[in-house]
């Protein structure tokens, strides 16, 4: 077991952002987090990444911070850097030689269908392409826990399938724990484990 979240809740200003969610992850586990918009999927990923401290409940994370990577849904590339430079950013921060960083990043860019955009700036890329560059950057640093927030939201069906296949294949081959937040039931169905988050509206309807 590399991570256990027990009855995790997050509140802010009297508003409940996440309500009593529990899950456990071992190396190589692949899990989809599902729920309506506003149910707390993103909040849960931020808690698992150590970026938000839960109001109640506990997180037992048995990894170093550098072994956990969170890929947000919103574009997260550095505007002044090219696609390749963005994809190698995590490696260069870790002291990997530029030539080795470029080679590793290109492998992951190609696996995501981005093998001809090395010199493109983020402003020249679509939102979906920017998201895939961010995913390539995450894969390049070889995390042990990868948290991806709606990685297919800006993609067409075929590219979305390719992206999920790439993430799943990477997790399987490296024993990386993978958590994907998605509102798409077709994406969620591709994962062996699912955690459904009920938002406040769902809970009121169930009463």
N, C-alpha and C. Protein backbone atom coordinates (compact mmCIF):
# COMPACT_ATOMS: atom_id res chain seq x y z
N UNK A 1 0.84 -1.19 0.00
CA UNK A 1 0.00 0.00 0.00
C UNK A 1 0.88 1.24 0.00
N UNK A 2 0.60 2.17 -0.93
CA UNK A 2 1.38 3.40 -0.98
C UNK A 2 0.57 4.60 -0.51
N UNK A 3 -0.75 4.46 -0.48
CA UNK A 3 -1.59 5.58 -0.05
C UNK A 3 -2.90 5.06 0.50
N UNK A 4 -3.34 5.67 1.60
CA UNK A 4 -4.67 5.38 2.15
C UNK A 4 -5.30 6.70 2.58
N UNK A 5 -6.47 6.97 2.03
CA UNK A 5 -7.26 8.12 2.45
C UNK A 5 -8.46 7.60 3.21
N UNK A 6 -8.68 8.11 4.41
CA UNK A 6 -9.75 7.61 5.28
C UNK A 6 -10.69 8.73 5.68
N UNK A 7 -11.94 8.63 5.21
CA UNK A 7 -12.99 9.59 5.57
C UNK A 7 -12.52 11.03 5.40
N UNK A 8 -11.95 11.32 4.24
CA UNK A 8 -11.39 12.64 3.98
C UNK A 8 -12.50 13.62 3.59
N UNK A 9 -12.55 14.75 4.27
CA UNK A 9 -13.48 15.82 3.96
C UNK A 9 -12.72 17.14 3.89
N UNK A 10 -13.22 18.03 3.03
CA UNK A 10 -12.63 19.36 2.91
C UNK A 10 -13.77 20.38 2.93
N UNK A 11 -13.66 21.37 3.82
CA UNK A 11 -14.64 22.45 3.90
C UNK A 11 -13.91 23.78 3.82
N UNK A 12 -14.58 24.76 3.23
CA UNK A 12 -14.00 26.09 3.10
C UNK A 12 -15.11 27.12 3.25
N UNK A 13 -14.99 27.97 4.25
CA UNK A 13 -15.98 29.01 4.46
C UNK A 13 -17.38 28.48 4.68
N UNK A 14 -17.49 27.34 5.33
CA UNK A 14 -18.79 26.74 5.58
C UNK A 14 -19.32 25.90 4.43
N UNK A 15 -18.61 25.87 3.31
CA UNK A 15 -19.02 25.08 2.15
C UNK A 15 -18.25 23.77 2.13
N UNK A 16 -18.95 22.66 1.95
CA UNK A 16 -18.32 21.35 1.88
C UNK A 16 -17.86 21.10 0.44
N UNK A 17 -16.55 20.98 0.24
CA UNK A 17 -15.98 20.72 -1.09
C UNK A 17 -15.79 19.24 -1.35
N UNK A 18 -15.60 18.48 -0.28
CA UNK A 18 -15.40 17.03 -0.38
C UNK A 18 -15.93 16.42 0.89
N UNK A 19 -16.75 15.36 0.76
CA UNK A 19 -17.45 14.85 1.93
C UNK A 19 -17.14 13.37 2.15
N UNK A 20 -16.26 13.09 3.11
CA UNK A 20 -16.01 11.75 3.63
C UNK A 20 -15.74 10.71 2.55
N UNK A 21 -14.58 10.83 1.91
CA UNK A 21 -14.17 9.90 0.87
C UNK A 21 -13.00 9.06 1.37
N UNK A 22 -13.04 7.77 1.07
CA UNK A 22 -11.96 6.86 1.46
C UNK A 22 -11.51 6.06 0.24
N UNK A 23 -10.21 5.81 0.15
CA UNK A 23 -9.69 4.89 -0.86
C UNK A 23 -8.28 4.46 -0.49
N UNK A 24 -7.87 3.32 -1.04
CA UNK A 24 -6.53 2.81 -0.83
C UNK A 24 -5.91 2.51 -2.19
N UNK A 25 -4.60 2.75 -2.30
CA UNK A 25 -3.88 2.50 -3.54
C UNK A 25 -2.61 1.73 -3.25
N UNK A 26 -2.39 0.69 -4.04
CA UNK A 26 -1.12 -0.03 -4.03
C UNK A 26 -0.38 0.28 -5.32
N UNK A 27 0.89 -0.08 -5.38
CA UNK A 27 1.67 0.14 -6.59
C UNK A 27 0.98 -0.55 -7.77
N UNK A 28 0.82 0.19 -8.86
CA UNK A 28 0.23 -0.37 -10.07
C UNK A 28 -1.28 -0.29 -10.14
N UNK A 29 -1.94 0.13 -9.06
CA UNK A 29 -3.40 0.27 -9.09
C UNK A 29 -3.81 1.36 -10.07
N UNK A 30 -4.95 1.14 -10.74
CA UNK A 30 -5.50 2.14 -11.66
C UNK A 30 -6.95 2.39 -11.27
N UNK A 31 -7.27 3.65 -11.02
CA UNK A 31 -8.57 3.99 -10.44
C UNK A 31 -9.15 5.22 -11.12
N UNK A 32 -10.44 5.18 -11.40
CA UNK A 32 -11.16 6.36 -11.90
C UNK A 32 -11.98 6.96 -10.76
N UNK A 33 -11.91 8.27 -10.63
CA UNK A 33 -12.74 9.00 -9.68
C UNK A 33 -13.86 9.67 -10.46
N UNK A 34 -15.09 9.32 -10.14
CA UNK A 34 -16.24 9.81 -10.91
C UNK A 34 -17.16 10.65 -10.03
N UNK A 35 -18.01 11.41 -10.68
CA UNK A 35 -18.98 12.24 -9.96
C UNK A 35 -19.37 13.43 -10.80
N UNK A 36 -20.46 14.07 -10.39
CA UNK A 36 -20.93 15.25 -11.10
C UNK A 36 -19.93 16.40 -10.97
N UNK A 37 -20.08 17.39 -11.86
CA UNK A 37 -19.30 18.61 -11.73
C UNK A 37 -19.58 19.24 -10.37
N UNK A 38 -18.51 19.59 -9.65
CA UNK A 38 -18.66 20.19 -8.33
C UNK A 38 -18.77 19.20 -7.19
N UNK A 39 -18.68 17.90 -7.49
CA UNK A 39 -18.81 16.90 -6.43
C UNK A 39 -17.55 16.76 -5.58
N UNK A 40 -16.42 17.24 -6.10
CA UNK A 40 -15.19 17.19 -5.31
C UNK A 40 -14.08 16.36 -5.93
N UNK A 41 -14.20 16.00 -7.20
CA UNK A 41 -13.17 15.17 -7.83
C UNK A 41 -11.80 15.84 -7.82
N UNK A 42 -11.79 17.10 -8.25
CA UNK A 42 -10.52 17.83 -8.28
C UNK A 42 -9.98 18.02 -6.87
N UNK A 43 -10.86 18.33 -5.93
CA UNK A 43 -10.43 18.51 -4.54
C UNK A 43 -9.78 17.24 -4.01
N UNK A 44 -10.37 16.08 -4.33
CA UNK A 44 -9.77 14.82 -3.87
C UNK A 44 -8.38 14.63 -4.45
N UNK A 45 -8.20 14.91 -5.73
CA UNK A 45 -6.88 14.75 -6.33
C UNK A 45 -5.87 15.69 -5.68
N UNK A 46 -6.29 16.90 -5.37
CA UNK A 46 -5.38 17.85 -4.71
C UNK A 46 -5.01 17.39 -3.30
N UNK A 47 -5.96 16.76 -2.62
CA UNK A 47 -5.66 16.20 -1.30
C UNK A 47 -4.67 15.06 -1.43
N UNK A 48 -4.90 14.16 -2.39
CA UNK A 48 -3.98 13.03 -2.58
C UNK A 48 -2.59 13.49 -2.98
N UNK A 49 -2.52 14.61 -3.69
CA UNK A 49 -1.23 15.15 -4.11
C UNK A 49 -0.52 15.91 -2.99
N UNK A 50 -1.20 16.11 -1.87
CA UNK A 50 -0.61 16.85 -0.77
C UNK A 50 -0.68 18.35 -0.93
N UNK A 51 -1.52 18.82 -1.87
CA UNK A 51 -1.64 20.25 -2.14
C UNK A 51 -2.75 20.90 -1.33
N UNK A 52 -3.65 20.10 -0.77
CA UNK A 52 -4.69 20.58 0.14
C UNK A 52 -4.69 19.68 1.37
N UNK A 53 -4.74 20.29 2.54
CA UNK A 53 -4.82 19.52 3.78
C UNK A 53 -6.30 19.30 4.10
N UNK A 54 -6.72 18.05 4.30
CA UNK A 54 -8.13 17.80 4.58
C UNK A 54 -8.57 18.42 5.90
N UNK A 55 -9.83 18.85 5.93
CA UNK A 55 -10.40 19.41 7.15
C UNK A 55 -10.57 18.34 8.21
N UNK A 56 -11.08 17.18 7.78
CA UNK A 56 -11.19 16.01 8.66
C UNK A 56 -10.75 14.79 7.88
N UNK A 57 -10.51 13.69 8.60
CA UNK A 57 -10.03 12.48 7.97
C UNK A 57 -8.51 12.46 7.94
N UNK A 58 -7.95 11.42 7.34
CA UNK A 58 -6.50 11.26 7.35
C UNK A 58 -5.98 10.77 6.01
N UNK A 59 -4.74 11.15 5.71
CA UNK A 59 -4.03 10.70 4.52
C UNK A 59 -2.73 10.04 4.96
N UNK A 60 -2.54 8.80 4.57
CA UNK A 60 -1.29 8.08 4.83
C UNK A 60 -0.61 7.88 3.48
N UNK A 61 0.34 8.74 3.15
CA UNK A 61 1.04 8.70 1.88
C UNK A 61 2.47 8.25 2.11
N UNK A 62 2.83 7.12 1.55
CA UNK A 62 4.14 6.53 1.80
C UNK A 62 5.07 6.73 0.61
N UNK A 63 5.04 7.94 0.07
CA UNK A 63 5.90 8.31 -1.05
C UNK A 63 6.54 9.66 -0.75
N UNK A 64 7.66 9.92 -1.42
CA UNK A 64 8.27 11.24 -1.35
C UNK A 64 7.49 12.20 -2.24
N UNK A 65 7.48 13.49 -1.90
CA UNK A 65 6.74 14.45 -2.73
C UNK A 65 7.12 14.40 -4.21
N UNK A 66 8.39 14.17 -4.50
CA UNK A 66 8.85 14.13 -5.89
C UNK A 66 8.31 12.93 -6.65
N UNK A 67 7.78 11.94 -5.92
CA UNK A 67 7.26 10.73 -6.57
C UNK A 67 5.78 10.85 -6.91
N UNK A 68 5.17 11.98 -6.55
CA UNK A 68 3.75 12.21 -6.80
C UNK A 68 3.62 13.36 -7.80
N UNK A 69 2.87 13.14 -8.87
CA UNK A 69 2.68 14.19 -9.89
C UNK A 69 1.19 14.37 -10.14
N UNK A 70 0.76 15.63 -10.11
CA UNK A 70 -0.62 16.00 -10.38
C UNK A 70 -0.68 16.77 -11.69
N UNK A 71 -1.56 16.33 -12.60
CA UNK A 71 -1.75 17.02 -13.88
C UNK A 71 -3.13 17.67 -13.86
N UNK A 72 -3.20 19.00 -13.75
CA UNK A 72 -4.50 19.66 -13.69
C UNK A 72 -5.22 19.65 -15.03
N UNK A 73 -6.52 19.90 -14.99
CA UNK A 73 -7.29 19.97 -16.23
C UNK A 73 -6.96 21.24 -17.01
N UNK A 74 -6.79 22.34 -16.32
CA UNK A 74 -6.50 23.61 -16.98
C UNK A 74 -5.09 23.59 -17.55
N UNK A 75 -4.86 24.31 -18.66
CA UNK A 75 -3.51 24.37 -19.24
C UNK A 75 -2.48 24.78 -18.20
N UNK A 76 -1.35 24.09 -18.19
CA UNK A 76 -0.35 24.35 -17.15
C UNK A 76 1.05 24.46 -17.73
N UNK A 77 1.13 24.82 -19.01
CA UNK A 77 2.44 24.95 -19.65
C UNK A 77 3.00 26.35 -19.44
N UNK A 78 4.32 26.46 -19.49
CA UNK A 78 4.99 27.76 -19.41
C UNK A 78 4.91 28.42 -20.78
N UNK A 79 4.26 29.57 -20.90
CA UNK A 79 4.00 30.15 -22.23
C UNK A 79 5.25 30.44 -23.05
N UNK A 80 6.35 30.77 -22.38
CA UNK A 80 7.56 31.17 -23.10
C UNK A 80 8.40 29.99 -23.57
N UNK A 81 8.05 28.78 -23.13
CA UNK A 81 8.83 27.59 -23.50
C UNK A 81 8.13 26.82 -24.61
N UNK A 82 8.93 26.16 -25.44
CA UNK A 82 8.37 25.33 -26.51
C UNK A 82 7.74 24.07 -25.90
N UNK A 83 7.05 23.34 -26.76
CA UNK A 83 6.43 22.10 -26.29
C UNK A 83 7.48 21.14 -25.73
N UNK A 84 8.59 20.98 -26.42
CA UNK A 84 9.63 20.08 -25.94
C UNK A 84 10.23 20.59 -24.65
N UNK A 85 10.48 21.89 -24.56
CA UNK A 85 11.03 22.44 -23.32
C UNK A 85 10.07 22.26 -22.16
N UNK A 86 8.78 22.42 -22.40
CA UNK A 86 7.79 22.18 -21.36
C UNK A 86 7.80 20.71 -20.94
N UNK A 87 7.90 19.82 -21.92
CA UNK A 87 7.86 18.39 -21.61
C UNK A 87 9.09 17.92 -20.85
N UNK A 88 10.19 18.64 -20.97
CA UNK A 88 11.42 18.26 -20.27
C UNK A 88 11.61 19.03 -18.97
N UNK A 89 10.69 19.93 -18.65
CA UNK A 89 10.91 20.84 -17.53
C UNK A 89 11.14 20.09 -16.22
N UNK A 90 10.30 19.11 -15.93
CA UNK A 90 10.46 18.35 -14.70
C UNK A 90 11.78 17.61 -14.64
N UNK A 91 12.23 17.11 -15.77
CA UNK A 91 13.51 16.39 -15.82
C UNK A 91 14.68 17.35 -15.59
N UNK A 92 14.60 18.52 -16.21
CA UNK A 92 15.70 19.47 -16.05
C UNK A 92 15.78 19.99 -14.62
N UNK A 93 14.63 20.18 -13.99
CA UNK A 93 14.62 20.58 -12.58
C UNK A 93 15.29 19.53 -11.72
N UNK A 94 15.15 18.26 -12.13
CA UNK A 94 15.76 17.15 -11.39
C UNK A 94 17.22 16.92 -11.77
N UNK A 95 17.77 17.75 -12.65
CA UNK A 95 19.18 17.67 -12.98
C UNK A 95 19.54 16.71 -14.09
N UNK A 96 18.55 16.25 -14.85
CA UNK A 96 18.83 15.35 -15.98
C UNK A 96 19.48 16.14 -17.11
N UNK A 97 20.50 15.58 -17.74
CA UNK A 97 21.20 16.24 -18.83
C UNK A 97 20.24 16.55 -19.97
N UNK A 98 20.39 17.71 -20.62
CA UNK A 98 19.45 18.13 -21.66
C UNK A 98 19.22 17.08 -22.75
N UNK A 99 20.27 16.44 -23.23
CA UNK A 99 20.10 15.45 -24.30
C UNK A 99 19.26 14.27 -23.83
N UNK A 100 19.52 13.80 -22.63
CA UNK A 100 18.75 12.69 -22.07
C UNK A 100 17.30 13.11 -21.81
N UNK A 101 17.13 14.33 -21.31
CA UNK A 101 15.78 14.83 -21.04
C UNK A 101 14.98 14.94 -22.33
N UNK A 102 15.60 15.44 -23.38
CA UNK A 102 14.92 15.55 -24.67
C UNK A 102 14.50 14.19 -25.20
N UNK A 103 15.41 13.22 -25.09
CA UNK A 103 15.10 11.87 -25.60
C UNK A 103 13.93 11.25 -24.84
N UNK A 104 13.95 11.36 -23.53
CA UNK A 104 12.87 10.79 -22.73
C UNK A 104 11.53 11.48 -23.01
N UNK A 105 11.58 12.80 -23.11
CA UNK A 105 10.34 13.54 -23.34
C UNK A 105 9.76 13.22 -24.72
N UNK A 106 10.60 13.09 -25.72
CA UNK A 106 10.11 12.80 -27.08
C UNK A 106 9.42 11.44 -27.13
N UNK A 107 9.90 10.49 -26.37
CA UNK A 107 9.25 9.18 -26.33
C UNK A 107 7.81 9.32 -25.84
N UNK A 108 7.60 10.10 -24.80
CA UNK A 108 6.25 10.25 -24.24
C UNK A 108 5.38 11.15 -25.11
N UNK A 109 5.96 12.17 -25.70
CA UNK A 109 5.19 13.00 -26.64
C UNK A 109 4.69 12.14 -27.80
N UNK A 110 5.57 11.30 -28.34
CA UNK A 110 5.18 10.44 -29.46
C UNK A 110 4.08 9.46 -29.06
N UNK A 111 4.16 8.94 -27.84
CA UNK A 111 3.15 7.98 -27.39
C UNK A 111 1.77 8.61 -27.28
N UNK A 112 1.75 9.94 -27.20
CA UNK A 112 0.50 10.69 -27.10
C UNK A 112 0.12 11.35 -28.42
N UNK A 113 0.81 10.95 -29.50
CA UNK A 113 0.50 11.48 -30.82
C UNK A 113 1.05 12.86 -31.08
N UNK A 114 2.10 13.24 -30.37
CA UNK A 114 2.69 14.58 -30.50
C UNK A 114 4.16 14.48 -30.86
N UNK A 115 4.44 13.96 -32.03
CA UNK A 115 5.84 13.75 -32.42
C UNK A 115 6.35 14.80 -33.40
N UNK A 116 5.60 15.88 -33.61
CA UNK A 116 6.05 16.88 -34.59
C UNK A 116 5.81 18.30 -34.10
N UNK A 117 5.83 18.50 -32.79
CA UNK A 117 5.50 19.83 -32.25
C UNK A 117 6.61 20.35 -31.33
N UNK A 118 7.82 19.83 -31.45
CA UNK A 118 8.89 20.19 -30.52
C UNK A 118 9.05 21.70 -30.35
N UNK A 119 9.02 22.45 -31.45
CA UNK A 119 9.34 23.87 -31.41
C UNK A 119 8.12 24.77 -31.27
N UNK A 120 6.94 24.18 -31.14
CA UNK A 120 5.71 24.99 -31.04
C UNK A 120 5.57 25.57 -29.63
N UNK A 121 5.14 26.82 -29.57
CA UNK A 121 4.83 27.44 -28.29
C UNK A 121 3.40 27.07 -27.88
N UNK A 122 3.09 27.10 -26.58
CA UNK A 122 1.74 26.73 -26.14
C UNK A 122 0.63 27.49 -26.86
N UNK A 123 0.85 28.78 -27.17
CA UNK A 123 -0.18 29.56 -27.84
C UNK A 123 -0.49 29.03 -29.24
N UNK A 124 0.41 28.24 -29.79
CA UNK A 124 0.22 27.67 -31.13
C UNK A 124 -0.45 26.30 -31.07
N UNK A 125 -0.72 25.82 -29.88
CA UNK A 125 -1.30 24.49 -29.71
C UNK A 125 -2.75 24.61 -29.23
N UNK A 126 -3.55 23.62 -29.59
CA UNK A 126 -4.92 23.55 -29.06
C UNK A 126 -4.88 23.21 -27.58
N UNK A 127 -6.02 23.40 -26.91
CA UNK A 127 -6.09 23.04 -25.50
C UNK A 127 -5.80 21.58 -25.26
N UNK A 128 -6.31 20.71 -26.14
CA UNK A 128 -6.06 19.29 -26.00
C UNK A 128 -4.60 18.92 -26.19
N UNK A 129 -3.93 19.59 -27.12
CA UNK A 129 -2.50 19.34 -27.33
C UNK A 129 -1.70 19.81 -26.13
N UNK A 130 -2.07 20.96 -25.58
CA UNK A 130 -1.38 21.44 -24.38
C UNK A 130 -1.53 20.45 -23.23
N UNK A 131 -2.73 19.88 -23.10
CA UNK A 131 -2.96 18.92 -22.03
C UNK A 131 -2.09 17.68 -22.21
N UNK A 132 -1.95 17.23 -23.45
CA UNK A 132 -1.11 16.05 -23.70
C UNK A 132 0.37 16.34 -23.48
N UNK A 133 0.81 17.56 -23.76
CA UNK A 133 2.20 17.93 -23.43
C UNK A 133 2.40 17.87 -21.92
N UNK A 134 1.43 18.35 -21.16
CA UNK A 134 1.52 18.30 -19.70
C UNK A 134 1.56 16.85 -19.21
N UNK A 135 0.81 15.98 -19.86
CA UNK A 135 0.83 14.56 -19.48
C UNK A 135 2.19 13.96 -19.80
N UNK A 136 2.74 14.30 -20.97
CA UNK A 136 4.07 13.80 -21.33
C UNK A 136 5.12 14.27 -20.32
N UNK A 137 5.00 15.52 -19.89
CA UNK A 137 5.92 16.05 -18.87
C UNK A 137 5.82 15.24 -17.58
N UNK A 138 4.59 14.86 -17.21
CA UNK A 138 4.39 14.08 -16.00
C UNK A 138 4.97 12.68 -16.14
N UNK A 139 4.74 12.03 -17.26
CA UNK A 139 5.25 10.68 -17.47
C UNK A 139 6.77 10.66 -17.51
N UNK A 140 7.37 11.72 -18.05
CA UNK A 140 8.82 11.74 -18.22
C UNK A 140 9.57 11.66 -16.90
N UNK A 141 8.98 12.18 -15.81
CA UNK A 141 9.68 12.17 -14.53
C UNK A 141 9.48 10.87 -13.77
N UNK A 142 8.74 9.94 -14.36
CA UNK A 142 8.56 8.59 -13.81
C UNK A 142 8.01 8.61 -12.37
N UNK A 143 6.81 9.16 -12.20
CA UNK A 143 6.22 9.20 -10.86
C UNK A 143 5.79 7.81 -10.40
N UNK A 144 5.62 7.67 -9.10
CA UNK A 144 5.05 6.43 -8.56
C UNK A 144 3.55 6.57 -8.32
N UNK A 145 3.07 7.81 -8.27
CA UNK A 145 1.65 8.10 -8.19
C UNK A 145 1.34 9.23 -9.15
N UNK A 146 0.48 8.97 -10.13
CA UNK A 146 0.12 9.96 -11.12
C UNK A 146 -1.37 10.27 -11.00
N UNK A 147 -1.68 11.55 -10.80
CA UNK A 147 -3.04 12.01 -10.61
C UNK A 147 -3.40 12.92 -11.78
N UNK A 148 -4.35 12.50 -12.61
CA UNK A 148 -4.71 13.25 -13.81
C UNK A 148 -6.16 13.71 -13.73
N UNK A 149 -6.37 15.02 -13.83
CA UNK A 149 -7.70 15.60 -13.70
C UNK A 149 -8.32 15.81 -15.08
N UNK A 150 -9.35 15.04 -15.41
CA UNK A 150 -10.08 15.14 -16.67
C UNK A 150 -9.12 15.20 -17.87
N UNK A 151 -8.25 14.20 -18.02
CA UNK A 151 -7.24 14.27 -19.09
C UNK A 151 -7.80 14.18 -20.50
N UNK A 152 -9.06 13.78 -20.66
CA UNK A 152 -9.65 13.66 -21.99
C UNK A 152 -10.70 14.72 -22.28
N UNK A 153 -10.91 15.66 -21.36
CA UNK A 153 -12.02 16.60 -21.49
C UNK A 153 -11.93 17.45 -22.76
N UNK A 154 -10.73 17.78 -23.21
CA UNK A 154 -10.56 18.65 -24.38
C UNK A 154 -10.20 17.87 -25.63
N UNK A 155 -10.39 16.54 -25.59
CA UNK A 155 -9.96 15.70 -26.70
C UNK A 155 -11.14 15.08 -27.44
N UNK A 156 -10.94 14.81 -28.73
CA UNK A 156 -11.94 14.05 -29.46
C UNK A 156 -11.89 12.60 -29.01
N UNK A 157 -12.86 11.81 -29.46
CA UNK A 157 -12.99 10.44 -28.96
C UNK A 157 -11.75 9.61 -29.21
N UNK A 158 -11.23 9.63 -30.43
CA UNK A 158 -10.09 8.79 -30.78
C UNK A 158 -8.84 9.19 -29.99
N UNK A 159 -8.60 10.50 -29.89
CA UNK A 159 -7.43 10.97 -29.15
C UNK A 159 -7.59 10.69 -27.66
N UNK A 160 -8.81 10.79 -27.16
CA UNK A 160 -9.06 10.46 -25.77
C UNK A 160 -8.76 9.01 -25.46
N UNK A 161 -9.17 8.12 -26.35
CA UNK A 161 -8.89 6.70 -26.18
C UNK A 161 -7.39 6.46 -26.19
N UNK A 162 -6.68 7.09 -27.13
CA UNK A 162 -5.22 6.94 -27.20
C UNK A 162 -4.56 7.42 -25.91
N UNK A 163 -5.04 8.53 -25.38
CA UNK A 163 -4.45 9.10 -24.17
C UNK A 163 -4.66 8.18 -22.96
N UNK A 164 -5.87 7.67 -22.80
CA UNK A 164 -6.14 6.75 -21.69
C UNK A 164 -5.35 5.46 -21.87
N UNK A 165 -5.25 4.97 -23.09
CA UNK A 165 -4.45 3.76 -23.34
C UNK A 165 -2.99 3.99 -22.97
N UNK A 166 -2.47 5.17 -23.31
CA UNK A 166 -1.08 5.49 -22.98
C UNK A 166 -0.86 5.55 -21.48
N UNK A 167 -1.76 6.22 -20.77
CA UNK A 167 -1.64 6.30 -19.32
C UNK A 167 -1.73 4.92 -18.68
N UNK A 168 -2.68 4.12 -19.13
CA UNK A 168 -2.86 2.79 -18.56
C UNK A 168 -1.67 1.89 -18.84
N UNK A 169 -1.17 1.95 -20.07
CA UNK A 169 -0.02 1.11 -20.43
C UNK A 169 1.21 1.52 -19.63
N UNK A 170 1.39 2.81 -19.45
CA UNK A 170 2.52 3.28 -18.65
C UNK A 170 2.41 2.78 -17.21
N UNK A 171 1.23 2.93 -16.62
CA UNK A 171 1.03 2.49 -15.25
C UNK A 171 1.28 1.00 -15.10
N UNK A 172 0.81 0.22 -16.07
CA UNK A 172 0.99 -1.23 -16.01
C UNK A 172 2.45 -1.63 -16.13
N UNK A 173 3.19 -0.96 -16.99
CA UNK A 173 4.59 -1.34 -17.25
C UNK A 173 5.55 -0.87 -16.17
N UNK A 174 5.15 0.13 -15.38
CA UNK A 174 6.05 0.71 -14.39
C UNK A 174 5.56 0.54 -12.96
N UNK A 175 4.40 -0.12 -12.76
CA UNK A 175 3.80 -0.27 -11.43
C UNK A 175 3.51 1.08 -10.79
N UNK A 176 3.18 2.06 -11.63
CA UNK A 176 2.77 3.37 -11.14
C UNK A 176 1.29 3.33 -10.77
N UNK A 177 0.93 3.88 -9.63
CA UNK A 177 -0.48 4.02 -9.27
C UNK A 177 -1.05 5.20 -10.06
N UNK A 178 -2.19 4.97 -10.69
CA UNK A 178 -2.80 5.97 -11.57
C UNK A 178 -4.21 6.26 -11.09
N UNK A 179 -4.50 7.55 -10.89
CA UNK A 179 -5.84 7.99 -10.52
C UNK A 179 -6.28 9.03 -11.54
N UNK A 180 -7.39 8.78 -12.20
CA UNK A 180 -7.93 9.70 -13.21
C UNK A 180 -9.30 10.17 -12.77
N UNK A 181 -9.47 11.48 -12.65
CA UNK A 181 -10.79 12.05 -12.38
C UNK A 181 -11.49 12.29 -13.70
N UNK A 182 -12.74 11.83 -13.82
CA UNK A 182 -13.46 11.99 -15.08
C UNK A 182 -14.96 12.05 -14.84
N UNK A 183 -15.64 12.82 -15.70
CA UNK A 183 -17.10 12.83 -15.68
C UNK A 183 -17.66 11.93 -16.76
N UNK A 184 -16.76 11.34 -17.57
CA UNK A 184 -17.16 10.54 -18.73
C UNK A 184 -17.27 9.07 -18.34
N UNK A 185 -18.47 8.48 -18.37
CA UNK A 185 -18.62 7.08 -17.99
C UNK A 185 -17.86 6.12 -18.90
N UNK A 186 -17.66 6.51 -20.15
CA UNK A 186 -16.89 5.65 -21.06
C UNK A 186 -15.43 5.58 -20.66
N UNK A 187 -14.90 6.70 -20.19
CA UNK A 187 -13.52 6.70 -19.69
C UNK A 187 -13.44 5.90 -18.39
N UNK A 188 -14.37 6.16 -17.48
CA UNK A 188 -14.35 5.47 -16.19
C UNK A 188 -14.44 3.96 -16.34
N UNK A 189 -15.20 3.50 -17.33
CA UNK A 189 -15.41 2.06 -17.51
C UNK A 189 -14.14 1.34 -17.92
N UNK A 190 -13.13 2.06 -18.35
CA UNK A 190 -11.88 1.44 -18.78
C UNK A 190 -10.96 1.12 -17.61
N UNK A 191 -11.35 1.55 -16.40
CA UNK A 191 -10.50 1.35 -15.24
C UNK A 191 -11.03 0.21 -14.37
N UNK A 192 -10.12 -0.61 -13.82
CA UNK A 192 -10.55 -1.75 -13.01
C UNK A 192 -11.17 -1.36 -11.69
N UNK A 193 -10.89 -0.16 -11.21
CA UNK A 193 -11.46 0.31 -9.94
C UNK A 193 -12.03 1.70 -10.13
N UNK A 194 -13.12 1.98 -9.42
CA UNK A 194 -13.76 3.29 -9.51
C UNK A 194 -14.16 3.76 -8.11
N UNK A 195 -14.02 5.05 -7.90
CA UNK A 195 -14.49 5.69 -6.67
C UNK A 195 -15.50 6.75 -7.09
N UNK A 196 -16.74 6.57 -6.71
CA UNK A 196 -17.80 7.52 -7.06
C UNK A 196 -17.98 8.50 -5.92
N UNK A 197 -17.90 9.79 -6.23
CA UNK A 197 -18.09 10.83 -5.22
C UNK A 197 -19.49 11.40 -5.36
N UNK A 198 -20.24 11.36 -4.31
CA UNK A 198 -21.59 11.94 -4.30
C UNK A 198 -21.51 13.37 -3.80
N UNK A 199 -21.90 14.31 -4.63
CA UNK A 199 -21.92 15.70 -4.21
C UNK A 199 -23.09 15.96 -3.26
N UNK A 200 -23.18 17.16 -2.76
CA UNK A 200 -24.24 17.49 -1.81
C UNK A 200 -25.63 17.32 -2.44
N UNK A 201 -25.76 17.67 -3.73
CA UNK A 201 -27.06 17.53 -4.39
C UNK A 201 -27.49 16.06 -4.46
N UNK A 202 -26.52 15.18 -4.76
CA UNK A 202 -26.83 13.74 -4.81
C UNK A 202 -27.27 13.24 -3.45
N UNK A 203 -26.61 13.71 -2.39
CA UNK A 203 -26.94 13.24 -1.06
C UNK A 203 -28.34 13.71 -0.65
N UNK A 204 -28.69 14.93 -1.04
CA UNK A 204 -30.04 15.43 -0.71
C UNK A 204 -31.11 14.61 -1.43
N UNK A 205 -30.85 14.25 -2.69
CA UNK A 205 -31.82 13.46 -3.44
C UNK A 205 -31.99 12.06 -2.86
N UNK A 206 -30.90 11.54 -2.26
CA UNK A 206 -30.95 10.17 -1.72
C UNK A 206 -31.70 10.10 -0.40
N UNK A 207 -31.98 11.25 0.20
CA UNK A 207 -32.65 11.24 1.52
C UNK A 207 -34.15 11.09 1.37
